[in-house]
């Protein structure tokens, strides 16, 4: 099972494996408070894409570009496969720091990972 959650929300036992998918460490969050199992900044949007999105704010283009970054980089495929494997074994919660809970990289990543199950 794949869930998404803001890193600032309380840790819950039902979170399962907590994976931070931000490139930068979230402001004001200690490592203890984050209680993450992994920090997979390698699957976060590139610095350039993140900066572009913050300047332009076009989520549809961001989503398309981010998917291309993920699927077009051979080094990222094993990481995506590992996330999918963990999700098959139990609950994986993708953690993000963005304020918008509907338009962020974790939403895109979760959708992509859910689609991998059918492959």
N, C-alpha and C. Protein backbone atom coordinates (compact mmCIF):
# COMPACT_ATOMS: atom_id res chain seq x y z
N UNK A 1 0.84 -1.17 0.00
CA UNK A 1 0.00 0.00 0.00
C UNK A 1 0.89 1.24 0.00
N UNK A 2 0.51 2.22 -0.79
CA UNK A 2 1.26 3.47 -0.88
C UNK A 2 0.39 4.60 -0.36
N UNK A 3 0.93 5.34 0.59
CA UNK A 3 0.25 6.51 1.13
C UNK A 3 1.16 7.71 0.96
N UNK A 4 0.58 8.89 1.03
CA UNK A 4 1.39 10.11 1.05
C UNK A 4 0.98 10.92 2.27
N UNK A 5 1.95 11.68 2.78
CA UNK A 5 1.70 12.42 4.01
C UNK A 5 2.71 13.56 4.13
N UNK A 6 2.26 14.64 4.68
CA UNK A 6 3.15 15.76 4.92
C UNK A 6 4.08 15.42 6.09
N UNK A 7 5.34 15.73 5.96
CA UNK A 7 6.34 15.40 6.99
C UNK A 7 6.01 16.07 8.32
N UNK A 8 5.26 17.16 8.28
CA UNK A 8 4.92 17.91 9.49
C UNK A 8 3.75 17.28 10.25
N UNK A 9 3.05 16.34 9.63
CA UNK A 9 1.94 15.66 10.30
C UNK A 9 2.49 14.64 11.30
N UNK A 10 1.72 14.33 12.34
CA UNK A 10 2.20 13.40 13.36
C UNK A 10 2.53 12.01 12.79
N UNK A 11 3.55 11.41 13.35
CA UNK A 11 3.94 10.04 13.00
C UNK A 11 2.87 9.10 13.56
N UNK A 12 2.48 8.12 12.74
CA UNK A 12 1.50 7.12 13.18
C UNK A 12 2.05 5.73 12.87
N UNK A 13 1.69 4.79 13.69
CA UNK A 13 2.14 3.42 13.47
C UNK A 13 1.69 2.90 12.10
N UNK A 14 0.51 3.36 11.67
CA UNK A 14 -0.04 2.92 10.39
C UNK A 14 0.73 3.46 9.18
N UNK A 15 1.70 4.37 9.42
CA UNK A 15 2.52 4.89 8.32
C UNK A 15 3.38 3.80 7.68
N UNK A 16 3.69 2.78 8.45
CA UNK A 16 4.58 1.75 7.92
C UNK A 16 5.97 2.31 7.67
N UNK A 17 6.53 2.00 6.52
CA UNK A 17 7.87 2.48 6.15
C UNK A 17 7.74 3.93 5.68
N UNK A 18 8.39 4.85 6.37
CA UNK A 18 8.31 6.28 6.08
C UNK A 18 9.50 6.69 5.21
N UNK A 19 9.19 7.19 4.00
CA UNK A 19 10.23 7.54 3.03
C UNK A 19 10.09 9.02 2.68
N UNK A 20 11.12 9.81 2.98
CA UNK A 20 11.13 11.22 2.60
C UNK A 20 11.54 11.32 1.14
N UNK A 21 10.72 12.01 0.34
CA UNK A 21 10.98 12.12 -1.10
C UNK A 21 11.21 13.57 -1.53
N UNK A 22 11.72 14.39 -0.61
CA UNK A 22 12.13 15.77 -0.91
C UNK A 22 13.63 15.78 -1.19
N UNK A 23 14.06 16.67 -2.05
CA UNK A 23 15.49 16.81 -2.33
C UNK A 23 16.20 17.52 -1.17
N UNK A 24 15.51 18.48 -0.55
CA UNK A 24 16.07 19.23 0.57
C UNK A 24 15.41 18.79 1.87
N UNK A 25 16.19 18.82 2.95
CA UNK A 25 15.62 18.45 4.24
C UNK A 25 14.59 19.50 4.65
N UNK A 26 13.42 19.08 5.14
CA UNK A 26 12.35 20.03 5.51
C UNK A 26 12.76 20.94 6.66
N UNK A 27 12.41 22.21 6.52
CA UNK A 27 12.74 23.19 7.56
C UNK A 27 12.03 22.87 8.86
N UNK A 28 12.77 23.03 9.94
CA UNK A 28 12.19 22.90 11.27
C UNK A 28 11.88 21.48 11.71
N UNK A 29 12.33 20.49 10.97
CA UNK A 29 12.05 19.09 11.33
C UNK A 29 13.36 18.41 11.72
N UNK A 30 13.41 17.92 12.94
CA UNK A 30 14.60 17.18 13.36
C UNK A 30 14.52 15.76 12.81
N UNK A 31 15.65 15.11 12.73
CA UNK A 31 15.66 13.73 12.26
C UNK A 31 14.85 12.82 13.18
N UNK A 32 14.90 13.12 14.47
CA UNK A 32 14.13 12.33 15.43
C UNK A 32 12.63 12.50 15.19
N UNK A 33 12.20 13.75 15.01
CA UNK A 33 10.77 14.02 14.80
C UNK A 33 10.29 13.44 13.46
N UNK A 34 11.15 13.46 12.46
CA UNK A 34 10.78 12.94 11.14
C UNK A 34 10.53 11.44 11.18
N UNK A 35 11.30 10.74 11.98
CA UNK A 35 11.16 9.28 12.14
C UNK A 35 11.07 8.57 10.79
N UNK A 36 12.00 8.91 9.90
CA UNK A 36 11.98 8.30 8.57
C UNK A 36 12.83 7.03 8.56
N UNK A 37 12.49 6.15 7.65
CA UNK A 37 13.28 4.94 7.42
C UNK A 37 14.32 5.18 6.33
N UNK A 38 13.94 6.00 5.36
CA UNK A 38 14.83 6.31 4.23
C UNK A 38 14.61 7.75 3.79
N UNK A 39 15.67 8.37 3.29
CA UNK A 39 15.56 9.66 2.62
C UNK A 39 15.99 9.41 1.18
N UNK A 40 15.04 9.31 0.29
CA UNK A 40 15.33 9.00 -1.12
C UNK A 40 15.30 10.29 -1.94
N UNK A 41 16.26 11.16 -1.68
CA UNK A 41 16.30 12.42 -2.43
C UNK A 41 16.60 12.18 -3.91
N UNK A 42 17.12 10.99 -4.23
CA UNK A 42 17.41 10.67 -5.63
C UNK A 42 16.15 10.57 -6.48
N UNK A 43 15.01 10.28 -5.87
CA UNK A 43 13.76 10.21 -6.64
C UNK A 43 12.96 11.51 -6.57
N UNK A 44 13.50 12.50 -5.89
CA UNK A 44 12.85 13.82 -5.85
C UNK A 44 13.08 14.53 -7.18
N UNK A 45 12.25 15.52 -7.48
CA UNK A 45 12.48 16.30 -8.70
C UNK A 45 13.87 16.95 -8.67
N UNK A 46 14.46 17.11 -9.83
CA UNK A 46 15.76 17.77 -9.92
C UNK A 46 15.65 19.20 -9.39
N UNK A 47 16.78 19.75 -9.02
CA UNK A 47 16.80 21.14 -8.54
C UNK A 47 16.20 22.07 -9.59
N UNK A 48 16.55 21.85 -10.84
CA UNK A 48 16.05 22.71 -11.93
C UNK A 48 14.54 22.61 -12.07
N UNK A 49 14.00 21.41 -12.01
CA UNK A 49 12.56 21.23 -12.15
C UNK A 49 11.83 21.81 -10.94
N UNK A 50 12.37 21.58 -9.77
CA UNK A 50 11.76 22.12 -8.55
C UNK A 50 11.72 23.64 -8.61
N UNK A 51 12.81 24.26 -9.02
CA UNK A 51 12.88 25.72 -9.13
C UNK A 51 11.89 26.22 -10.19
N UNK A 52 11.85 25.55 -11.34
CA UNK A 52 10.92 25.94 -12.40
C UNK A 52 9.48 25.89 -11.89
N UNK A 53 9.12 24.83 -11.19
CA UNK A 53 7.75 24.68 -10.70
C UNK A 53 7.40 25.79 -9.71
N UNK A 54 8.33 26.12 -8.83
CA UNK A 54 8.06 27.19 -7.86
C UNK A 54 7.90 28.54 -8.54
N UNK A 55 8.58 28.72 -9.66
CA UNK A 55 8.46 29.99 -10.40
C UNK A 55 7.22 30.00 -11.30
N UNK A 56 6.92 28.89 -11.96
CA UNK A 56 5.84 28.85 -12.95
C UNK A 56 4.50 28.38 -12.37
N UNK A 57 4.54 27.42 -11.48
CA UNK A 57 3.33 26.92 -10.85
C UNK A 57 2.41 26.10 -11.72
N UNK A 58 2.89 25.61 -12.86
CA UNK A 58 2.05 24.81 -13.75
C UNK A 58 2.22 23.33 -13.38
N UNK A 59 1.26 22.80 -12.62
CA UNK A 59 1.40 21.44 -12.11
C UNK A 59 1.34 20.39 -13.21
N UNK A 60 0.51 20.58 -14.22
CA UNK A 60 0.41 19.59 -15.29
C UNK A 60 1.75 19.41 -16.01
N UNK A 61 2.41 20.52 -16.30
CA UNK A 61 3.73 20.44 -16.95
C UNK A 61 4.77 19.86 -16.00
N UNK A 62 4.68 20.26 -14.72
CA UNK A 62 5.58 19.71 -13.72
C UNK A 62 5.43 18.19 -13.64
N UNK A 63 4.19 17.72 -13.58
CA UNK A 63 3.93 16.28 -13.48
C UNK A 63 4.53 15.53 -14.67
N UNK A 64 4.32 16.05 -15.85
CA UNK A 64 4.85 15.42 -17.06
C UNK A 64 6.38 15.39 -17.04
N UNK A 65 6.98 16.52 -16.69
CA UNK A 65 8.45 16.61 -16.65
C UNK A 65 9.04 15.71 -15.57
N UNK A 66 8.38 15.66 -14.43
CA UNK A 66 8.87 14.83 -13.32
C UNK A 66 8.80 13.34 -13.69
N UNK A 67 7.72 12.92 -14.30
CA UNK A 67 7.61 11.53 -14.75
C UNK A 67 8.73 11.19 -15.74
N UNK A 68 9.01 12.12 -16.65
CA UNK A 68 10.09 11.90 -17.62
C UNK A 68 11.44 11.79 -16.91
N UNK A 69 11.66 12.64 -15.89
CA UNK A 69 12.90 12.54 -15.12
C UNK A 69 13.02 11.16 -14.46
N UNK A 70 11.95 10.71 -13.86
CA UNK A 70 11.98 9.43 -13.14
C UNK A 70 12.20 8.25 -14.08
N UNK A 71 11.44 8.20 -15.15
CA UNK A 71 11.48 7.05 -16.05
C UNK A 71 12.61 7.12 -17.07
N UNK A 72 13.18 8.31 -17.25
CA UNK A 72 14.24 8.47 -18.23
C UNK A 72 15.64 8.33 -17.68
N UNK A 73 15.75 8.04 -16.41
CA UNK A 73 17.06 7.92 -15.76
C UNK A 73 17.24 6.49 -15.26
N UNK A 74 18.14 5.76 -15.90
CA UNK A 74 18.37 4.36 -15.55
C UNK A 74 18.76 4.17 -14.08
N UNK A 75 19.38 5.18 -13.47
CA UNK A 75 19.79 5.07 -12.07
C UNK A 75 18.58 5.14 -11.13
N UNK A 76 17.49 5.73 -11.58
CA UNK A 76 16.30 5.86 -10.73
C UNK A 76 15.40 4.62 -10.77
N UNK A 77 15.47 3.85 -11.82
CA UNK A 77 14.57 2.70 -11.98
C UNK A 77 14.70 1.70 -10.82
N UNK A 78 15.91 1.32 -10.39
CA UNK A 78 16.01 0.39 -9.25
C UNK A 78 15.41 0.97 -7.96
N UNK A 79 15.51 2.29 -7.79
CA UNK A 79 14.93 2.92 -6.61
C UNK A 79 13.41 2.85 -6.65
N UNK A 80 12.85 3.09 -7.82
CA UNK A 80 11.39 2.98 -7.99
C UNK A 80 10.94 1.54 -7.76
N UNK A 81 11.72 0.60 -8.28
CA UNK A 81 11.38 -0.82 -8.08
C UNK A 81 11.45 -1.20 -6.60
N UNK A 82 12.42 -0.63 -5.88
CA UNK A 82 12.53 -0.91 -4.44
C UNK A 82 11.31 -0.35 -3.70
N UNK A 83 10.91 0.86 -4.04
CA UNK A 83 9.72 1.44 -3.42
C UNK A 83 8.48 0.58 -3.70
N UNK A 84 8.36 0.12 -4.93
CA UNK A 84 7.22 -0.73 -5.31
C UNK A 84 7.25 -2.04 -4.52
N UNK A 85 8.44 -2.62 -4.37
CA UNK A 85 8.59 -3.88 -3.61
C UNK A 85 8.16 -3.68 -2.17
N UNK A 86 8.63 -2.59 -1.54
CA UNK A 86 8.23 -2.31 -0.16
C UNK A 86 6.72 -2.14 -0.05
N UNK A 87 6.13 -1.48 -1.04
CA UNK A 87 4.68 -1.27 -1.03
C UNK A 87 3.94 -2.60 -1.17
N UNK A 88 4.50 -3.52 -1.92
CA UNK A 88 3.89 -4.85 -2.06
C UNK A 88 3.97 -5.64 -0.75
N UNK A 89 4.98 -5.34 0.05
CA UNK A 89 5.20 -6.07 1.30
C UNK A 89 4.46 -5.46 2.49
N UNK A 90 4.05 -4.21 2.37
CA UNK A 90 3.38 -3.52 3.49
C UNK A 90 3.11 -2.07 3.12
N UNK A 91 2.88 -1.26 4.11
CA UNK A 91 2.56 0.15 3.86
C UNK A 91 3.83 0.97 3.72
N UNK A 92 3.85 1.79 2.68
CA UNK A 92 4.91 2.77 2.45
C UNK A 92 4.25 4.14 2.45
N UNK A 93 4.78 5.05 3.26
CA UNK A 93 4.27 6.42 3.28
C UNK A 93 5.34 7.33 2.70
N UNK A 94 5.00 7.97 1.58
CA UNK A 94 5.89 8.94 0.94
C UNK A 94 5.69 10.28 1.62
N UNK A 95 6.76 10.82 2.17
CA UNK A 95 6.69 12.07 2.94
C UNK A 95 7.20 13.24 2.11
N UNK A 96 6.52 14.36 2.21
CA UNK A 96 6.87 15.58 1.48
C UNK A 96 6.66 16.77 2.40
N UNK A 97 7.23 17.92 2.05
CA UNK A 97 7.08 19.11 2.89
C UNK A 97 6.20 20.19 2.27
N UNK A 98 5.81 20.04 1.03
CA UNK A 98 5.00 21.06 0.35
C UNK A 98 3.70 21.31 1.11
N UNK A 99 3.21 22.54 1.01
CA UNK A 99 1.96 22.91 1.68
C UNK A 99 0.74 22.36 0.96
N UNK A 100 0.84 22.20 -0.35
CA UNK A 100 -0.29 21.74 -1.16
C UNK A 100 -0.33 20.21 -1.15
N UNK A 101 -1.38 19.65 -0.58
CA UNK A 101 -1.44 18.19 -0.47
C UNK A 101 -1.96 17.50 -1.73
N UNK A 102 -2.35 18.26 -2.72
CA UNK A 102 -2.85 17.69 -3.98
C UNK A 102 -1.88 17.85 -5.14
N UNK A 103 -0.97 18.82 -5.04
CA UNK A 103 -0.07 19.15 -6.13
C UNK A 103 1.37 19.19 -5.62
N UNK A 104 1.96 18.01 -5.53
CA UNK A 104 3.35 17.90 -5.09
C UNK A 104 3.96 16.63 -5.68
N UNK A 105 5.25 16.48 -5.52
CA UNK A 105 5.94 15.35 -6.14
C UNK A 105 5.51 14.01 -5.57
N UNK A 106 5.12 13.96 -4.30
CA UNK A 106 4.71 12.68 -3.71
C UNK A 106 3.44 12.15 -4.37
N UNK A 107 2.54 13.06 -4.75
CA UNK A 107 1.31 12.65 -5.44
C UNK A 107 1.67 11.99 -6.77
N UNK A 108 2.57 12.62 -7.51
CA UNK A 108 3.00 12.10 -8.82
C UNK A 108 3.72 10.77 -8.64
N UNK A 109 4.63 10.72 -7.70
CA UNK A 109 5.41 9.50 -7.45
C UNK A 109 4.50 8.34 -7.02
N UNK A 110 3.57 8.61 -6.13
CA UNK A 110 2.65 7.56 -5.68
C UNK A 110 1.83 7.01 -6.85
N UNK A 111 1.35 7.89 -7.70
CA UNK A 111 0.57 7.46 -8.87
C UNK A 111 1.43 6.60 -9.80
N UNK A 112 2.66 7.03 -10.02
CA UNK A 112 3.56 6.27 -10.88
C UNK A 112 3.82 4.88 -10.29
N UNK A 113 4.09 4.82 -8.99
CA UNK A 113 4.37 3.54 -8.33
C UNK A 113 3.16 2.61 -8.36
N UNK A 114 1.99 3.17 -8.17
CA UNK A 114 0.77 2.35 -8.23
C UNK A 114 0.61 1.76 -9.63
N UNK A 115 0.96 2.53 -10.64
CA UNK A 115 0.88 2.06 -12.02
C UNK A 115 1.89 0.97 -12.33
N UNK A 116 3.01 0.96 -11.62
CA UNK A 116 4.04 -0.06 -11.84
C UNK A 116 3.55 -1.45 -11.45
N UNK A 117 2.58 -1.53 -10.59
CA UNK A 117 2.08 -2.83 -10.14
C UNK A 117 1.48 -3.61 -11.30
N UNK A 118 0.95 -2.89 -12.27
CA UNK A 118 0.32 -3.54 -13.42
C UNK A 118 1.34 -4.00 -14.46
N UNK A 119 2.58 -3.52 -14.34
CA UNK A 119 3.61 -3.87 -15.34
C UNK A 119 4.05 -5.31 -15.21
